[in-house]
Amino acid sequence: MSLWSNEHFSLMRNYYIMLAGIGQKAITASIVDEPWNHQTYDDYPGLVKWTKKRDGS
């Protein structure tokens, strides 16, 4: 199974439904690696891969 694939979301659906059922309305997701330069340790990498294009964007 690939991360973020339709299969991934299908497997996660029951968890999303359960969490919504107990009142969860938001999630926290790390999108960058070490956003505070290791002041708050997080053992997981960011969920977004950032790539700079040749034009700098």
C-alpha atoms as a PDB file:
ATOM      1  CA  MET A   1       0.000   0.000   0.000  1.00  0.00           C
ATOM      2  CA  SER A   2       1.304   3.456  -0.891  1.00  0.00           C
ATOM      3  CA  LEU A   3       1.038   6.357   1.519  1.00  0.00           C
ATOM      4  CA  TRP A   4      -1.820   8.738   0.578  1.00  0.00           C
ATOM      5  CA  SER A   5      -3.236   6.275  -1.986  1.00  0.00           C
ATOM      6  CA  ASN A   6      -6.948   5.486  -2.280  1.00  0.00           C
ATOM      7  CA  GLU A   7      -6.225   2.214  -0.469  1.00  0.00           C
ATOM      8  CA  HIS A   8      -4.567   4.130   2.385  1.00  0.00           C
ATOM      9  CA  PHE A   9      -7.561   6.443   2.810  1.00  0.00           C
ATOM     10  CA  SER A  10      -9.948   3.505   2.571  1.00  0.00           C
ATOM     11  CA  LEU A  11      -8.147   1.736   5.421  1.00  0.00           C
ATOM     12  CA  MET A  12      -8.117   4.928   7.517  1.00  0.00           C
ATOM     13  CA  ARG A  13     -11.825   5.675   6.967  1.00  0.00           C
ATOM     14  CA  ASN A  14     -13.026   3.712  10.018  1.00  0.00           C
ATOM     15  CA  TYR A  15     -10.613   5.661  12.236  1.00  0.00           C
ATOM     16  CA  TYR A  16     -11.814   8.967  10.793  1.00  0.00           C
ATOM     17  CA  ILE A  17     -15.437   7.975  11.444  1.00  0.00           C
ATOM     18  CA  MET A  18     -14.663   6.846  15.007  1.00  0.00           C
ATOM     19  CA  LEU A  19     -12.767  10.052  15.833  1.00  0.00           C
ATOM     20  CA  ALA A  20     -15.522  12.232  14.384  1.00  0.00           C
ATOM     21  CA  GLY A  21     -18.047  10.256  16.419  1.00  0.00           C
ATOM     22  CA  ILE A  22     -16.307  11.166  19.678  1.00  0.00           C
ATOM     23  CA  GLY A  23     -16.099  14.839  18.765  1.00  0.00           C
ATOM     24  CA  GLN A  24     -12.742  15.281  17.056  1.00  0.00           C
ATOM     25  CA  LYS A  25     -12.916  18.177  14.622  1.00  0.00           C
ATOM     26  CA  ALA A  26      -9.256  18.803  13.764  1.00  0.00           C
ATOM     27  CA  ILE A  27      -5.891  17.077  13.434  1.00  0.00           C
ATOM     28  CA  THR A  28      -2.331  18.221  13.956  1.00  0.00           C
ATOM     29  CA  ALA A  29       0.089  17.308  11.185  1.00  0.00           C
ATOM     30  CA  SER A  30       3.823  17.959  10.956  1.00  0.00           C
ATOM     31  CA  ILE A  31       4.487  19.334   7.480  1.00  0.00           C
ATOM     32  CA  VAL A  32       8.133  20.335   7.962  1.00  0.00           C
ATOM     33  CA  ASP A  33      11.057  18.590   9.630  1.00  0.00           C
ATOM     34  CA  GLU A  34      12.130  20.139  12.958  1.00  0.00           C
ATOM     35  CA  PRO A  35      10.211  23.430  12.658  1.00  0.00           C
ATOM     36  CA  TRP A  36      11.755  24.790  15.876  1.00  0.00           C
ATOM     37  CA  ASN A  37      15.284  23.465  15.312  1.00  0.00           C
ATOM     38  CA  HIS A  38      14.883  20.524  17.655  1.00  0.00           C
ATOM     39  CA  GLN A  39      13.541  22.570  20.603  1.00  0.00           C
ATOM     40  CA  THR A  40      10.543  20.256  20.617  1.00  0.00           C
ATOM     41  CA  TYR A  41      11.707  16.798  19.559  1.00  0.00           C
ATOM     42  CA  ASP A  42       9.494  14.898  17.149  1.00  0.00           C
ATOM     43  CA  ASP A  43      10.625  11.453  16.012  1.00  0.00           C
ATOM     44  CA  TYR A  44       8.523  11.588  12.843  1.00  0.00           C
ATOM     45  CA  PRO A  45       9.461  13.266   9.556  1.00  0.00           C
ATOM     46  CA  GLY A  46       7.261  15.917   7.988  1.00  0.00           C
ATOM     47  CA  LEU A  47       4.312  14.705   5.917  1.00  0.00           C
ATOM     48  CA  VAL A  48       5.071  17.038   2.999  1.00  0.00           C
ATOM     49  CA  LYS A  49       8.128  16.844   0.749  1.00  0.00           C
ATOM     50  CA  TRP A  50       9.133  20.372  -0.244  1.00  0.00           C
ATOM     51  CA  THR A  51      10.927  20.822  -3.583  1.00  0.00           C
ATOM     52  CA  LYS A  52      12.307  24.123  -4.861  1.00  0.00           C
ATOM     53  CA  LYS A  53      12.047  24.637  -8.621  1.00  0.00           C
ATOM     54  CA  ARG A  54      14.848  26.060 -10.775  1.00  0.00           C
ATOM     55  CA  ASP A  55      13.082  29.433 -10.892  1.00  0.00           C
ATOM     56  CA  GLY A  56      13.183  29.622  -7.089  1.00  0.00           C
ATOM     57  CA  SER A  57       9.481  29.009  -6.539  1.00  0.00           C
END
